[in-house]
Amino acid sequence: MQQRFATATTQGPIQQGLPPTPVSTANTSQVPGLQSTTQSGQQPQSQSQQQQPVDRDKIYAWIQDLLNPEARENALLELSKKREVVHDLAPLLWHSFGTIAALLQEIQAVYPMINPPNLTAHQSNRVCNALALLQCVASHSETRSAFLAAHIPLFLYPFLHTVSKTRPFEYLRLTSLGVIGALVKTDEVEVINFLLTTEIIPLCLRIMETGTELSKTVATFILQKILLDETGLSYICQTYERFSHVAMILGKMVNNLAREPSARLLKHVVRCYLRLSDNARAREALRQCLPDQLKDQTFMSILKEDSSTKRWLSQLSKSLNEIGPIGPIGPNPRGGMLQ
């Protein structure tokens, strides 16, 4: 396995008050607790809108237009609007000649705008529409395995590496995270095994530390899903360096949440801590480093309104207070243990 865990670096906080650039908001419909908007900045379609008949001929024409550079931008916009109502859009995109290559071409076209960072709102809108279609492919059971086999998520990682605080870059990162979030939401071992061979963990940790609330929430959700997988938990707890990096970022997030509360973000943070406590060595370490704010009444007002987070925090407290043997990590196909 490639060892990329220590590649993330702190680049400074992203401003929470982003300038009112007219850029589309990123789709977060695949992530629990986040309200999604379409790539054109509109609210999600209502049930009545989703039940409207779909003009299949238009769908086919727009897919064909993706191969035409002059018509591609409009096709990206129209197809991204229809991705939730055309249930077989992912197979249509994947099996249509040249379509995925065209979407990857859109992604690569903005690479030069990353460094130096000069991505415009219009460019961000356009590439986010392409990413929305890739998220559709990543979400579909018929195309997910091929999507991973082609290593397409790696094309998104340059966007996750960006640190610019401008709104076009923030939504580019958020939409890219949405694609990864759509993958991990399936709870498939194949997805976790693929992600563990990449640098997704350090990338998520950096965003969890420096991103906006939305980006932090999606990145933490991705980490949570990795932890909930047995192989993912074993991987993170395999060495002290990996565990301590995760614990340090989670601790910083708790400190920030004490100043700027967010119920949905706290929910994912607590769930990550609870899952870490399932590992004997990590549980022993958490007895020493769990933030005081999770032990006192700091988040009482939030917990009153969120029974699931309150229950998880109670389970975490009970787990850390129990005295038991400290043994090696359970079955670990990669070997090793937290030391």
C-alpha atoms as a PDB file:
ATOM      1  CA  MET A   1       0.000   0.000   0.000  1.00  0.00           C
ATOM      2  CA  GLN A   2       1.216   3.425  -0.821  1.00  0.00           C
ATOM      3  CA  GLN A   3       2.130   5.438   2.237  1.00  0.00           C
ATOM      4  CA  ARG A   4       0.724   8.922   1.637  1.00  0.00           C
ATOM      5  CA  PHE A   5      -0.726   9.644   5.038  1.00  0.00           C
ATOM      6  CA  ALA A   6       1.729  12.354   6.012  1.00  0.00           C
ATOM      7  CA  THR A   7       1.502  14.470   2.882  1.00  0.00           C
ATOM      8  CA  ALA A   8      -1.073  16.975   4.142  1.00  0.00           C
ATOM      9  CA  THR A   9       0.122  20.329   5.384  1.00  0.00           C
ATOM     10  CA  THR A  10      -1.667  23.211   7.045  1.00  0.00           C
ATOM     11  CA  GLN A  11      -2.159  26.109   4.702  1.00  0.00           C
ATOM     12  CA  GLY A  12      -4.131  28.515   6.870  1.00  0.00           C
ATOM     13  CA  PRO A  13      -7.867  28.913   7.442  1.00  0.00           C
ATOM     14  CA  ILE A  14     -10.322  29.467   4.657  1.00  0.00           C
ATOM     15  CA  GLN A  15     -12.485  32.480   5.347  1.00  0.00           C
ATOM     16  CA  GLN A  16     -15.995  31.647   6.457  1.00  0.00           C
ATOM     17  CA  GLY A  17     -17.378  34.856   4.953  1.00  0.00           C
ATOM     18  CA  LEU A  18     -16.850  34.214   1.261  1.00  0.00           C
ATOM     19  CA  PRO A  19     -17.377  37.069  -1.204  1.00  0.00           C
ATOM     20  CA  PRO A  20     -20.703  37.077  -3.047  1.00  0.00           C
ATOM     21  CA  THR A  21     -19.287  35.798  -6.322  1.00  0.00           C
ATOM     22  CA  PRO A  22     -22.112  34.557  -8.589  1.00  0.00           C
ATOM     23  CA  VAL A  23     -20.857  30.989  -8.700  1.00  0.00           C
ATOM     24  CA  SER A  24     -23.024  27.901  -8.524  1.00  0.00           C
ATOM     25  CA  THR A  25     -23.240  26.032  -5.258  1.00  0.00           C
ATOM     26  CA  ALA A  26     -21.905  22.516  -5.112  1.00  0.00           C
ATOM     27  CA  ASN A  27     -24.174  19.516  -4.975  1.00  0.00           C
ATOM     28  CA  THR A  28     -24.221  17.889  -1.548  1.00  0.00           C
ATOM     29  CA  SER A  29     -27.311  15.748  -1.976  1.00  0.00           C
ATOM     30  CA  GLN A  30     -25.278  12.588  -1.408  1.00  0.00           C
ATOM     31  CA  VAL A  31     -24.167  13.669   2.051  1.00  0.00           C
ATOM     32  CA  PRO A  32     -26.501  13.355   5.061  1.00  0.00           C
ATOM     33  CA  GLY A  33     -27.470  16.581   6.751  1.00  0.00           C
ATOM     34  CA  LEU A  34     -26.556  18.860   3.854  1.00  0.00           C
ATOM     35  CA  GLN A  35     -29.119  20.657   1.722  1.00  0.00           C
ATOM     36  CA  SER A  36     -28.216  20.431  -1.933  1.00  0.00           C
ATOM     37  CA  THR A  37     -28.668  22.903  -4.724  1.00  0.00           C
ATOM     38  CA  THR A  38     -28.308  22.364  -8.405  1.00  0.00           C
ATOM     39  CA  GLN A  39     -25.249  23.548 -10.247  1.00  0.00           C
ATOM     40  CA  SER A  40     -27.150  26.598 -11.432  1.00  0.00           C
ATOM     41  CA  GLY A  41     -27.738  27.666  -7.844  1.00  0.00           C
ATOM     42  CA  GLN A  42     -31.384  26.582  -7.795  1.00  0.00           C
ATOM     43  CA  GLN A  43     -33.052  24.629  -5.019  1.00  0.00           C
ATOM     44  CA  PRO A  44     -33.436  20.854  -5.472  1.00  0.00           C
ATOM     45  CA  GLN A  45     -36.295  19.795  -7.679  1.00  0.00           C
ATOM     46  CA  SER A  46     -39.613  19.115  -5.986  1.00  0.00           C
ATOM     47  CA  GLN A  47     -41.300  15.719  -6.138  1.00  0.00           C
ATOM     48  CA  SER A  48     -43.773  16.989  -8.736  1.00  0.00           C
ATOM     49  CA  GLN A  49     -40.909  18.253 -10.888  1.00  0.00           C
ATOM     50  CA  GLN A  50     -39.125  14.921 -10.619  1.00  0.00           C
ATOM     51  CA  GLN A  51     -42.268  13.089 -11.727  1.00  0.00           C
ATOM     52  CA  GLN A  52     -42.555  15.118 -14.920  1.00  0.00           C
ATOM     53  CA  PRO A  53     -41.951  13.033 -18.065  1.00  0.00           C
ATOM     54  CA  VAL A  54     -38.416  13.177 -19.373  1.00  0.00           C
ATOM     55  CA  ASP A  55     -37.816  13.917 -23.046  1.00  0.00           C
ATOM     56  CA  ARG A  56     -35.428  11.077 -23.839  1.00  0.00           C
ATOM     57  CA  ASP A  57     -34.573  12.525 -27.230  1.00  0.00           C
ATOM     58  CA  LYS A  58     -33.282  15.672 -25.545  1.00  0.00           C
ATOM     59  CA  ILE A  59     -31.191  13.612 -23.123  1.00  0.00           C
ATOM     60  CA  TYR A  60     -29.621  11.700 -26.020  1.00  0.00           C
ATOM     61  CA  ALA A  61     -29.011  14.936 -27.922  1.00  0.00           C
ATOM     62  CA  TRP A  62     -27.309  16.588 -24.930  1.00  0.00           C
ATOM     63  CA  ILE A  63     -25.092  13.542 -24.405  1.00  0.00           C
ATOM     64  CA  GLN A  64     -24.130  13.732 -28.072  1.00  0.00           C
ATOM     65  CA  ASP A  65     -23.456  17.465 -27.658  1.00  0.00           C
ATOM     66  CA  LEU A  66     -20.805  16.689 -25.055  1.00  0.00           C
ATOM     67  CA  LEU A  67     -18.564  15.700 -27.973  1.00  0.00           C
ATOM     68  CA  ASN A  68     -19.045  19.113 -29.585  1.00  0.00           C
ATOM     69  CA  PRO A  69     -16.839  21.747 -27.873  1.00  0.00           C
ATOM     70  CA  GLU A  70     -19.177  24.530 -28.983  1.00  0.00           C
ATOM     71  CA  ALA A  71     -22.316  22.874 -27.573  1.00  0.00           C
ATOM     72  CA  ARG A  72     -20.715  21.188 -24.557  1.00  0.00           C
ATOM     73  CA  GLU A  73     -21.240  23.939 -22.001  1.00  0.00           C
ATOM     74  CA  ASN A  74     -25.027  23.994 -22.456  1.00  0.00           C
ATOM     75  CA  ALA A  75     -25.152  20.184 -22.520  1.00  0.00           C
ATOM     76  CA  LEU A  76     -23.266  20.036 -19.205  1.00  0.00           C
ATOM     77  CA  LEU A  77     -25.736  22.456 -17.645  1.00  0.00           C
ATOM     78  CA  GLU A  78     -28.852  20.710 -18.924  1.00  0.00           C
ATOM     79  CA  LEU A  79     -27.683  17.193 -18.057  1.00  0.00           C
ATOM     80  CA  SER A  80     -26.599  18.234 -14.565  1.00  0.00           C
ATOM     81  CA  LYS A  81     -30.142  19.508 -13.981  1.00  0.00           C
ATOM     82  CA  LYS A  82     -31.605  16.156 -15.045  1.00  0.00           C
ATOM     83  CA  ARG A  83     -29.252  13.828 -13.197  1.00  0.00           C
ATOM     84  CA  GLU A  84     -31.742  13.187 -10.365  1.00  0.00           C
ATOM     85  CA  VAL A  85     -34.712  12.439 -12.618  1.00  0.00           C
ATOM     86  CA  VAL A  86     -33.061  10.381 -15.347  1.00  0.00           C
ATOM     87  CA  HIS A  87     -32.302   7.248 -13.360  1.00  0.00           C
ATOM     88  CA  ASP A  88     -30.223   5.589 -16.077  1.00  0.00           C
ATOM     89  CA  LEU A  89     -28.203   8.704 -16.868  1.00  0.00           C
ATOM     90  CA  ALA A  90     -25.024   7.201 -15.396  1.00  0.00           C
ATOM     91  CA  PRO A  91     -24.999   4.124 -17.689  1.00  0.00           C
ATOM     92  CA  LEU A  92     -25.896   6.333 -20.635  1.00  0.00           C
ATOM     93  CA  LEU A  93     -22.946   8.606 -19.907  1.00  0.00           C
ATOM     94  CA  TRP A  94     -20.511   5.786 -19.218  1.00  0.00           C
ATOM     95  CA  HIS A  95     -21.340   3.706 -22.310  1.00  0.00           C
ATOM     96  CA  SER A  96     -21.669   6.592 -24.769  1.00  0.00           C
ATOM     97  CA  PHE A  97     -18.610   6.935 -26.989  1.00  0.00           C
ATOM     98  CA  GLY A  98     -16.237   9.691 -25.866  1.00  0.00           C
ATOM     99  CA  THR A  99     -18.499  11.062 -23.134  1.00  0.00           C
ATOM    100  CA  ILE A 100     -16.310  10.340 -20.099  1.00  0.00           C
ATOM    101  CA  ALA A 101     -13.257  11.542 -22.033  1.00  0.00           C
ATOM    102  CA  ALA A 102     -15.095  14.813 -22.680  1.00  0.00           C
ATOM    103  CA  LEU A 103     -15.876  15.205 -18.960  1.00  0.00           C
ATOM    104  CA  LEU A 104     -12.245  14.544 -18.055  1.00  0.00           C
ATOM    105  CA  GLN A 105     -11.211  17.064 -20.685  1.00  0.00           C
ATOM    106  CA  GLU A 106     -13.351  19.663 -18.903  1.00  0.00           C
ATOM    107  CA  ILE A 107     -11.598  18.855 -15.626  1.00  0.00           C
ATOM    108  CA  GLN A 108      -8.112  19.004 -17.077  1.00  0.00           C
ATOM    109  CA  ALA A 109      -8.906  22.271 -18.853  1.00  0.00           C
ATOM    110  CA  VAL A 110      -8.917  24.149 -15.528  1.00  0.00           C
ATOM    111  CA  TYR A 111      -5.706  22.617 -14.167  1.00  0.00           C
ATOM    112  CA  PRO A 112      -3.676  25.590 -15.446  1.00  0.00           C
ATOM    113  CA  MET A 113      -5.918  27.919 -13.424  1.00  0.00           C
ATOM    114  CA  ILE A 114      -4.984  26.190 -10.163  1.00  0.00           C
ATOM    115  CA  ASN A 115      -1.433  27.514  -9.890  1.00  0.00           C
ATOM    116  CA  PRO A 116      -1.360  30.432  -9.861  1.00  0.00           C
ATOM    117  CA  PRO A 117      -4.979  30.468  -8.629  1.00  0.00           C
ATOM    118  CA  ASN A 118      -7.019  32.475 -11.125  1.00  0.00           C
ATOM    119  CA  LEU A 119     -10.164  30.376 -11.595  1.00  0.00           C
ATOM    120  CA  THR A 120     -13.186  32.498 -12.530  1.00  0.00           C
ATOM    121  CA  ALA A 121     -16.768  31.952 -11.419  1.00  0.00           C
ATOM    122  CA  HIS A 122     -17.781  30.985 -14.952  1.00  0.00           C
ATOM    123  CA  GLN A 123     -15.004  28.405 -15.215  1.00  0.00           C
ATOM    124  CA  SER A 124     -15.917  27.040 -11.792  1.00  0.00           C
ATOM    125  CA  ASN A 125     -19.579  26.707 -12.781  1.00  0.00           C
ATOM    126  CA  ARG A 126     -18.695  24.812 -15.913  1.00  0.00           C
ATOM    127  CA  VAL A 127     -16.318  22.322 -14.347  1.00  0.00           C
ATOM    128  CA  CYS A 128     -18.698  21.801 -11.410  1.00  0.00           C
ATOM    129  CA  ASN A 129     -21.380  20.749 -13.889  1.00  0.00           C
ATOM    130  CA  ALA A 130     -18.952  18.178 -15.292  1.00  0.00           C
ATOM    131  CA  LEU A 131     -18.165  17.004 -11.758  1.00  0.00           C
ATOM    132  CA  ALA A 132     -21.883  16.666 -11.040  1.00  0.00           C
ATOM    133  CA  LEU A 133     -22.194  14.216 -13.921  1.00  0.00           C
ATOM    134  CA  LEU A 134     -19.201  12.261 -12.634  1.00  0.00           C
ATOM    135  CA  GLN A 135     -20.901  12.155  -9.232  1.00  0.00           C
ATOM    136  CA  CYS A 136     -23.903  10.640 -10.972  1.00  0.00           C
ATOM    137  CA  VAL A 137     -21.657   7.925 -12.443  1.00  0.00           C
ATOM    138  CA  ALA A 138     -19.973   7.351  -9.075  1.00  0.00           C
ATOM    139  CA  SER A 139     -23.349   6.919  -7.365  1.00  0.00           C
ATOM    140  CA  HIS A 140     -24.797   4.342  -9.751  1.00  0.00           C
ATOM    141  CA  SER A 141     -24.378   0.658  -8.969  1.00  0.00           C
ATOM    142  CA  GLU A 142     -23.876  -0.273 -12.626  1.00  0.00           C
ATOM    143  CA  THR A 143     -21.015   2.159 -13.239  1.00  0.00           C
ATOM    144  CA  ARG A 144     -19.299   2.524  -9.853  1.00  0.00           C
ATOM    145  CA  SER A 145     -16.846  -0.357 -10.188  1.00  0.00           C
ATOM    146  CA  ALA A 146     -15.742   0.712 -13.662  1.00  0.00           C
ATOM    147  CA  PHE A 147     -15.455   4.302 -12.386  1.00  0.00           C
ATOM    148  CA  LEU A 148     -13.009   3.115  -9.706  1.00  0.00           C
ATOM    149  CA  ALA A 149     -11.154   0.759 -12.032  1.00  0.00           C
ATOM    150  CA  ALA A 150     -10.449   3.708 -14.323  1.00  0.00           C
ATOM    151  CA  HIS A 151      -9.067   5.648 -11.306  1.00  0.00           C
ATOM    152  CA  ILE A 152     -11.214   8.624 -12.255  1.00  0.00           C
ATOM    153  CA  PRO A 153     -11.335  10.026  -8.666  1.00  0.00           C
ATOM    154  CA  LEU A 154      -7.627  10.797  -8.988  1.00  0.00           C
ATOM    155  CA  PHE A 155      -8.456  13.485 -11.571  1.00  0.00           C
ATOM    156  CA  LEU A 156     -10.270  15.366  -8.770  1.00  0.00           C
ATOM    157  CA  TYR A 157      -7.409  15.363  -6.271  1.00  0.00           C
ATOM    158  CA  PRO A 158      -5.665  18.436  -7.737  1.00  0.00           C
ATOM    159  CA  PHE A 159      -8.826  20.369  -6.839  1.00  0.00           C
ATOM    160  CA  LEU A 160      -8.726  19.050  -3.269  1.00  0.00           C
ATOM    161  CA  HIS A 161      -5.109  20.209  -3.019  1.00  0.00           C
ATOM    162  CA  THR A 162      -6.074  23.842  -3.705  1.00  0.00           C
ATOM    163  CA  VAL A 163      -5.993  26.319  -0.829  1.00  0.00           C
ATOM    164  CA  SER A 164      -7.328  29.490  -2.440  1.00  0.00           C
ATOM    165  CA  LYS A 165      -9.987  31.173  -0.313  1.00  0.00           C
ATOM    166  CA  THR A 166     -12.034  32.512  -3.224  1.00  0.00           C
ATOM    167  CA  ARG A 167     -15.544  31.265  -3.715  1.00  0.00           C
ATOM    168  CA  PRO A 168     -14.943  29.612  -7.132  1.00  0.00           C
ATOM    169  CA  PHE A 169     -12.217  27.449  -5.599  1.00  0.00           C
ATOM    170  CA  GLU A 170     -14.272  26.675  -2.494  1.00  0.00           C
ATOM    171  CA  TYR A 171     -17.165  25.351  -4.565  1.00  0.00           C
ATOM    172  CA  LEU A 172     -14.761  23.450  -6.793  1.00  0.00           C
ATOM    173  CA  ARG A 173     -13.416  21.675  -3.691  1.00  0.00           C
ATOM    174  CA  LEU A 174     -16.905  21.114  -2.313  1.00  0.00           C
ATOM    175  CA  THR A 175     -18.209  19.593  -5.545  1.00  0.00           C
ATOM    176  CA  SER A 176     -15.128  17.367  -5.785  1.00  0.00           C
ATOM    177  CA  LEU A 177     -15.710  16.203  -2.221  1.00  0.00           C
ATOM    178  CA  GLY A 178     -19.295  15.452  -3.234  1.00  0.00           C
ATOM    179  CA  VAL A 179     -18.060  12.907  -5.778  1.00  0.00           C
ATOM    180  CA  ILE A 180     -15.974  11.128  -3.133  1.00  0.00           C
ATOM    181  CA  GLY A 181     -18.885  11.392  -0.689  1.00  0.00           C
ATOM    182  CA  ALA A 182     -21.140   9.691  -3.234  1.00  0.00           C
ATOM    183  CA  LEU A 183     -18.659   6.818  -3.423  1.00  0.00           C
ATOM    184  CA  VAL A 184     -18.286   6.236   0.315  1.00  0.00           C
ATOM    185  CA  LYS A 185     -22.012   6.561   0.937  1.00  0.00           C
ATOM    186  CA  THR A 186     -22.462   3.147  -0.685  1.00  0.00           C
ATOM    187  CA  ASP A 187     -20.568   1.447   2.189  1.00  0.00           C
ATOM    188  CA  GLU A 188     -18.818  -0.833  -0.278  1.00  0.00           C
ATOM    189  CA  VAL A 189     -15.487  -2.408   0.668  1.00  0.00           C
ATOM    190  CA  GLU A 190     -14.264  -1.938  -2.906  1.00  0.00           C
ATOM    191  CA  VAL A 191     -14.575   1.842  -2.519  1.00  0.00           C
ATOM    192  CA  ILE A 192     -12.698   1.966   0.792  1.00  0.00           C
ATOM    193  CA  ASN A 193      -9.939  -0.292  -0.486  1.00  0.00           C
ATOM    194  CA  PHE A 194      -9.447   1.996  -3.472  1.00  0.00           C
ATOM    195  CA  LEU A 195      -9.426   5.199  -1.412  1.00  0.00           C
ATOM    196  CA  LEU A 196      -6.886   3.781   1.038  1.00  0.00           C
ATOM    197  CA  THR A 197      -4.399   3.459  -1.817  1.00  0.00           C
ATOM    198  CA  THR A 198      -4.709   7.207  -2.456  1.00  0.00           C
ATOM    199  CA  GLU A 199      -4.089  10.366  -0.454  1.00  0.00           C
ATOM    200  CA  ILE A 200      -7.755  11.008   0.375  1.00  0.00           C
ATOM    201  CA  ILE A 201      -7.231  10.829   4.166  1.00  0.00           C
ATOM    202  CA  PRO A 202      -4.636  13.629   4.411  1.00  0.00           C
ATOM    203  CA  LEU A 203      -6.605  15.697   1.913  1.00  0.00           C
ATOM    204  CA  CYS A 204      -9.772  15.350   3.988  1.00  0.00           C
ATOM    205  CA  LEU A 205      -7.887  16.125   7.196  1.00  0.00           C
ATOM    206  CA  ARG A 206      -6.542  19.358   5.771  1.00  0.00           C
ATOM    207  CA  ILE A 207      -9.994  20.423   4.586  1.00  0.00           C
ATOM    208  CA  MET A 208     -11.442  19.454   7.973  1.00  0.00           C
ATOM    209  CA  GLU A 209      -8.973  21.858   9.550  1.00  0.00           C
ATOM    210  CA  THR A 210      -9.102  24.780   7.132  1.00  0.00           C
ATOM    211  CA  GLY A 211     -12.311  24.554   5.079  1.00  0.00           C
ATOM    212  CA  THR A 212     -15.671  26.226   5.338  1.00  0.00           C
ATOM    213  CA  GLU A 213     -18.384  24.530   7.385  1.00  0.00           C
ATOM    214  CA  LEU A 214     -19.841  22.749   4.332  1.00  0.00           C
ATOM    215  CA  SER A 215     -16.470  21.467   3.160  1.00  0.00           C
ATOM    216  CA  LYS A 216     -15.533  20.400   6.682  1.00  0.00           C
ATOM    217  CA  THR A 217     -18.803  18.507   6.997  1.00  0.00           C
ATOM    218  CA  VAL A 218     -18.384  16.585   3.735  1.00  0.00           C
ATOM    219  CA  ALA A 219     -14.707  15.837   4.435  1.00  0.00           C
ATOM    220  CA  THR A 220     -15.553  14.606   7.950  1.00  0.00           C
ATOM    221  CA  PHE A 221     -18.363  12.468   6.536  1.00  0.00           C
ATOM    222  CA  ILE A 222     -15.853  10.831   4.170  1.00  0.00           C
ATOM    223  CA  LEU A 223     -13.453  10.138   7.043  1.00  0.00           C
ATOM    224  CA  GLN A 224     -16.338   8.748   9.099  1.00  0.00           C
ATOM    225  CA  LYS A 225     -17.292   6.336   6.322  1.00  0.00           C
ATOM    226  CA  ILE A 226     -13.686   5.176   6.004  1.00  0.00           C
ATOM    227  CA  LEU A 227     -13.522   4.581   9.755  1.00  0.00           C
ATOM    228  CA  LEU A 228     -16.775   2.627   9.772  1.00  0.00           C
ATOM    229  CA  ASP A 229     -15.167   0.096   7.464  1.00  0.00           C
ATOM    230  CA  GLU A 230     -13.070  -2.475   9.336  1.00  0.00           C
ATOM    231  CA  THR A 231     -10.167  -2.144   6.930  1.00  0.00           C
ATOM    232  CA  GLY A 232     -10.352   1.643   7.148  1.00  0.00           C
ATOM    233  CA  LEU A 233     -10.301   1.610  10.948  1.00  0.00           C
ATOM    234  CA  SER A 234      -7.362  -0.790  10.993  1.00  0.00           C
ATOM    235  CA  TYR A 235      -5.491   1.345   8.457  1.00  0.00           C
ATOM    236  CA  ILE A 236      -5.848   4.545  10.466  1.00  0.00           C
ATOM    237  CA  CYS A 237      -4.961   2.811  13.733  1.00  0.00           C
ATOM    238  CA  GLN A 238      -2.096   0.856  12.196  1.00  0.00           C
ATOM    239  CA  THR A 239       0.525   3.423  13.290  1.00  0.00           C
ATOM    240  CA  TYR A 240       0.651   6.047  15.986  1.00  0.00           C
ATOM    241  CA  GLU A 241       1.411   8.740  13.398  1.00  0.00           C
ATOM    242  CA  ARG A 242      -1.806   8.080  11.492  1.00  0.00           C
ATOM    243  CA  PHE A 243      -3.969   7.918  14.582  1.00  0.00           C
ATOM    244  CA  SER A 244      -2.414  10.992  16.183  1.00  0.00           C
ATOM    245  CA  HIS A 245      -2.898  13.050  13.008  1.00  0.00           C
ATOM    246  CA  VAL A 246      -6.590  12.162  12.896  1.00  0.00           C
ATOM    247  CA  ALA A 247      -7.016  12.749  16.643  1.00  0.00           C
ATOM    248  CA  MET A 248      -5.231  16.109  16.440  1.00  0.00           C
ATOM    249  CA  ILE A 249      -7.497  17.387  13.640  1.00  0.00           C
ATOM    250  CA  LEU A 250     -10.649  16.136  15.392  1.00  0.00           C
ATOM    251  CA  GLY A 251      -9.508  17.876  18.574  1.00  0.00           C
ATOM    252  CA  LYS A 252      -8.990  21.166  16.727  1.00  0.00           C
ATOM    253  CA  MET A 253     -12.449  20.828  15.223  1.00  0.00           C
ATOM    254  CA  VAL A 254     -14.010  20.359  18.653  1.00  0.00           C
ATOM    255  CA  ASN A 255     -12.254  23.503  19.884  1.00  0.00           C
ATOM    256  CA  ASN A 256     -13.575  25.433  16.885  1.00  0.00           C
ATOM    257  CA  LEU A 257     -17.080  24.025  17.344  1.00  0.00           C
ATOM    258  CA  ALA A 258     -17.076  25.277  20.923  1.00  0.00           C
ATOM    259  CA  ARG A 259     -16.656  28.788  19.487  1.00  0.00           C
ATOM    260  CA  GLU A 260     -18.792  28.355  16.348  1.00  0.00           C
ATOM    261  CA  PRO A 261     -21.328  25.562  16.969  1.00  0.00           C
ATOM    262  CA  SER A 262     -22.613  23.421  14.102  1.00  0.00           C
ATOM    263  CA  ALA A 263     -24.909  20.508  14.930  1.00  0.00           C
ATOM    264  CA  ARG A 264     -24.344  18.613  11.678  1.00  0.00           C
ATOM    265  CA  LEU A 265     -20.560  18.930  11.879  1.00  0.00           C
ATOM    266  CA  LEU A 266     -20.501  17.929  15.561  1.00  0.00           C
ATOM    267  CA  LYS A 267     -22.534  14.826  14.692  1.00  0.00           C
ATOM    268  CA  HIS A 268     -19.868  13.562  12.271  1.00  0.00           C
ATOM    269  CA  VAL A 269     -16.991  14.457  14.621  1.00  0.00           C
ATOM    270  CA  VAL A 270     -18.554  12.548  17.534  1.00  0.00           C
ATOM    271  CA  ARG A 271     -19.262   9.571  15.277  1.00  0.00           C
ATOM    272  CA  CYS A 272     -15.589   9.509  14.238  1.00  0.00           C
ATOM    273  CA  TYR A 273     -14.488   9.502  17.884  1.00  0.00           C
ATOM    274  CA  LEU A 274     -16.950   6.749  18.737  1.00  0.00           C
ATOM    275  CA  ARG A 275     -15.718   4.563  15.905  1.00  0.00           C
ATOM    276  CA  LEU A 276     -12.070   5.128  16.893  1.00  0.00           C
ATOM    277  CA  SER A 277     -12.956   3.915  20.376  1.00  0.00           C
ATOM    278  CA  ASP A 278     -13.814   0.512  18.897  1.00  0.00           C
ATOM    279  CA  ASN A 279     -10.079  -0.076  18.535  1.00  0.00           C
ATOM    280  CA  ALA A 280      -8.425  -1.071  21.817  1.00  0.00           C
ATOM    281  CA  ARG A 281      -5.209   0.900  21.350  1.00  0.00           C
ATOM    282  CA  ALA A 282      -7.015   3.953  20.014  1.00  0.00           C
ATOM    283  CA  ARG A 283      -9.473   3.761  22.913  1.00  0.00           C
ATOM    284  CA  GLU A 284      -6.607   3.868  25.394  1.00  0.00           C
ATOM    285  CA  ALA A 285      -5.112   6.885  23.626  1.00  0.00           C
ATOM    286  CA  LEU A 286      -8.475   8.676  23.550  1.00  0.00           C
ATOM    287  CA  ARG A 287      -8.691   8.392  27.329  1.00  0.00           C
ATOM    288  CA  GLN A 288      -5.775  10.801  27.394  1.00  0.00           C
ATOM    289  CA  CYS A 289      -6.567  13.121  24.473  1.00  0.00           C
ATOM    290  CA  LEU A 290     -10.355  13.405  24.191  1.00  0.00           C
ATOM    291  CA  PRO A 291     -11.202  17.130  24.289  1.00  0.00           C
ATOM    292  CA  ASP A 292     -12.680  18.386  27.555  1.00  0.00           C
ATOM    293  CA  GLN A 293     -15.552  19.991  25.651  1.00  0.00           C
ATOM    294  CA  LEU A 294     -16.890  16.505  24.914  1.00  0.00           C
ATOM    295  CA  LYS A 295     -16.805  15.661  28.606  1.00  0.00           C
ATOM    296  CA  ASP A 296     -18.498  18.749  30.059  1.00  0.00           C
ATOM    297  CA  GLN A 297     -21.633  20.738  29.201  1.00  0.00           C
ATOM    298  CA  THR A 298     -20.158  22.747  26.321  1.00  0.00           C
ATOM    299  CA  PHE A 299     -22.502  21.311  23.687  1.00  0.00           C
ATOM    300  CA  MET A 300     -25.568  20.852  25.889  1.00  0.00           C
ATOM    301  CA  SER A 301     -27.745  23.166  23.779  1.00  0.00           C
ATOM    302  CA  ILE A 302     -26.919  21.247  20.586  1.00  0.00           C
ATOM    303  CA  LEU A 303     -27.355  17.833  22.180  1.00  0.00           C
ATOM    304  CA  LYS A 304     -30.838  18.746  23.402  1.00  0.00           C
ATOM    305  CA  GLU A 305     -31.926  19.012  19.777  1.00  0.00           C
ATOM    306  CA  ASP A 306     -29.970  16.028  18.455  1.00  0.00           C
ATOM    307  CA  SER A 307     -30.736  12.738  20.176  1.00  0.00           C
ATOM    308  CA  SER A 308     -28.472  10.626  17.947  1.00  0.00           C
ATOM    309  CA  THR A 309     -25.376  12.724  18.654  1.00  0.00           C
ATOM    310  CA  LYS A 310     -26.248  12.726  22.346  1.00  0.00           C
ATOM    311  CA  ARG A 311     -26.534   8.934  22.300  1.00  0.00           C
ATOM    312  CA  TRP A 312     -23.214   8.538  20.466  1.00  0.00           C
ATOM    313  CA  LEU A 313     -21.465  10.832  22.933  1.00  0.00           C
ATOM    314  CA  SER A 314     -22.906   8.829  25.805  1.00  0.00           C
ATOM    315  CA  GLN A 315     -21.667   5.604  24.225  1.00  0.00           C
ATOM    316  CA  LEU A 316     -18.231   7.165  23.730  1.00  0.00           C
ATOM    317  CA  SER A 317     -18.052   8.206  27.379  1.00  0.00           C
ATOM    318  CA  LYS A 318     -19.092   4.740  28.500  1.00  0.00           C
ATOM    319  CA  SER A 319     -16.538   3.096  26.208  1.00  0.00           C
ATOM    320  CA  LEU A 320     -13.673   5.260  27.465  1.00  0.00           C
ATOM    321  CA  ASN A 321     -14.614   4.696  31.109  1.00  0.00           C
ATOM    322  CA  GLU A 322     -14.587   0.934  30.760  1.00  0.00           C
ATOM    323  CA  ILE A 323     -11.392  -0.795  31.845  1.00  0.00           C
ATOM    324  CA  GLY A 324     -10.401  -3.709  29.674  1.00  0.00           C
ATOM    325  CA  PRO A 325      -7.365  -5.483  28.257  1.00  0.00           C
ATOM    326  CA  ILE A 326      -5.340  -3.515  25.730  1.00  0.00           C
ATOM    327  CA  GLY A 327      -4.508  -5.897  22.963  1.00  0.00           C
ATOM    328  CA  PRO A 328      -3.502  -5.607  19.364  1.00  0.00           C
ATOM    329  CA  ILE A 329      -5.844  -4.450  16.667  1.00  0.00           C
ATOM    330  CA  GLY A 330      -8.328  -7.053  15.520  1.00  0.00           C
ATOM    331  CA  PRO A 331      -8.073  -8.843  12.192  1.00  0.00           C
ATOM    332  CA  ASN A 332      -5.962  -6.594   9.993  1.00  0.00           C
ATOM    333  CA  PRO A 333      -5.176  -7.697   6.464  1.00  0.00           C
ATOM    334  CA  ARG A 334      -2.427  -5.113   6.288  1.00  0.00           C
ATOM    335  CA  GLY A 335      -0.811  -6.209   9.557  1.00  0.00           C
ATOM    336  CA  GLY A 336       0.608  -3.964  12.243  1.00  0.00           C
ATOM    337  CA  MET A 337      -0.847  -2.336  15.307  1.00  0.00           C
ATOM    338  CA  LEU A 338      -1.085   1.007  17.004  1.00  0.00           C
ATOM    339  CA  GLN A 339       2.034   1.460  19.095  1.00  0.00           C
END
